[in-house]
Amino acid sequence: TFEIQSPLEGKFYLTKNTSETAIKVGDVLSEGALIGYVEAMKTFNAIRTDKAGKVVQIVKNTGEDVEEDEVLIIMQ
């Protein structure tokens, strides 16, 4: 089991527009897969997984404020 943490403070979003499909619990992601975005100062920063794995928990909701190093997603 490993955690994906926010690299910076801002608002967490699973997608930045309606054309994207949000990840969900049970999804199997490859290394480098996009898991969401942290928006800071009107810039959407893409968050990617550094390991392949399965999403077991999405800790933060879309639009929720996050701090640097706060856990966003738990994978295994």
Protein backbone atom coordinates (compact mmCIF):
# COMPACT_ATOMS: atom_id res chain seq x y z
CA THR A 1 0.00 0.00 0.00
CA PHE A 2 1.27 3.48 -0.82
CA GLU A 3 -0.03 7.02 -0.65
CA ILE A 4 -0.07 9.78 -3.23
CA GLN A 5 0.43 13.11 -1.51
CA SER A 6 -0.19 16.66 -2.61
CA PRO A 7 3.03 18.34 -3.77
CA LEU A 8 1.66 21.78 -2.85
CA GLU A 9 -1.12 23.63 -1.06
CA GLY A 10 -4.31 24.39 -3.03
CA LYS A 11 -7.63 22.88 -4.07
CA PHE A 12 -7.81 19.23 -5.17
CA TYR A 13 -9.75 18.23 -8.28
CA LEU A 14 -10.12 14.79 -9.85
CA THR A 15 -10.67 16.44 -13.26
CA LYS A 16 -10.23 19.96 -14.58
CA ASN A 17 -13.05 19.79 -17.12
CA THR A 18 -16.00 17.60 -18.08
CA SER A 19 -14.19 15.95 -21.01
CA GLU A 20 -11.92 14.07 -18.58
CA THR A 21 -12.93 10.89 -16.76
CA ALA A 22 -12.21 10.88 -13.02
CA ILE A 23 -10.44 7.94 -11.41
CA LYS A 24 -12.50 5.82 -9.02
CA VAL A 25 -11.90 3.20 -6.35
CA GLY A 26 -10.97 -0.09 -7.99
CA ASP A 27 -9.26 1.49 -11.02
CA VAL A 28 -5.89 -0.03 -11.90
CA LEU A 29 -3.45 2.67 -12.97
CA SER A 30 -0.12 2.41 -14.72
CA GLU A 31 2.97 4.28 -13.59
CA GLY A 32 2.68 7.94 -14.55
CA ALA A 33 -1.14 7.87 -14.75
CA LEU A 34 -2.95 11.12 -14.01
CA ILE A 35 -4.87 10.96 -10.72
CA GLY A 36 -6.02 14.56 -10.47
CA TYR A 37 -4.96 18.17 -10.07
CA VAL A 38 -4.08 20.63 -7.35
CA GLU A 39 -5.07 24.15 -8.31
CA ALA A 40 -2.88 26.87 -6.86
CA MET A 41 -2.85 30.52 -7.97
CA LYS A 42 -5.17 29.70 -10.92
CA THR A 43 -2.76 27.04 -12.24
CA PHE A 44 -3.80 23.38 -12.44
CA ASN A 45 -0.85 21.19 -11.41
CA ALA A 46 -1.21 17.61 -12.69
CA ILE A 47 -0.69 14.92 -10.04
CA ARG A 48 0.55 11.56 -11.32
CA THR A 49 1.28 8.25 -9.67
CA ASP A 50 4.94 7.22 -9.56
CA LYS A 51 4.02 3.51 -9.30
CA ALA A 52 1.47 1.26 -10.94
CA GLY A 53 -1.32 0.04 -8.67
CA LYS A 54 -4.99 -0.14 -7.78
CA VAL A 55 -6.92 2.76 -6.24
CA VAL A 56 -8.21 1.64 -2.82
CA GLN A 57 -9.32 5.00 -1.39
CA ILE A 58 -9.82 8.55 -2.63
CA VAL A 59 -9.14 10.52 0.55
CA LYS A 60 -9.98 14.04 -0.66
CA ASN A 61 -13.13 15.23 -2.42
CA THR A 62 -13.10 17.40 -5.54
CA GLY A 63 -12.89 21.07 -4.60
CA GLU A 64 -11.49 20.34 -1.14
CA ASP A 65 -8.59 22.41 0.21
CA VAL A 66 -5.38 20.43 0.66
CA GLU A 67 -2.06 21.17 2.34
CA GLU A 68 1.37 20.24 1.03
CA ASP A 69 2.14 16.53 1.74
CA GLU A 70 -1.51 15.77 2.60
CA VAL A 71 -2.67 12.32 1.38
CA LEU A 72 -4.92 12.47 -1.71
CA ILE A 73 -5.14 8.85 -2.84
CA ILE A 74 -4.28 5.48 -1.29
CA MET A 75 -3.20 2.73 -3.70
CA GLN A 76 -1.90 -0.80 -3.50
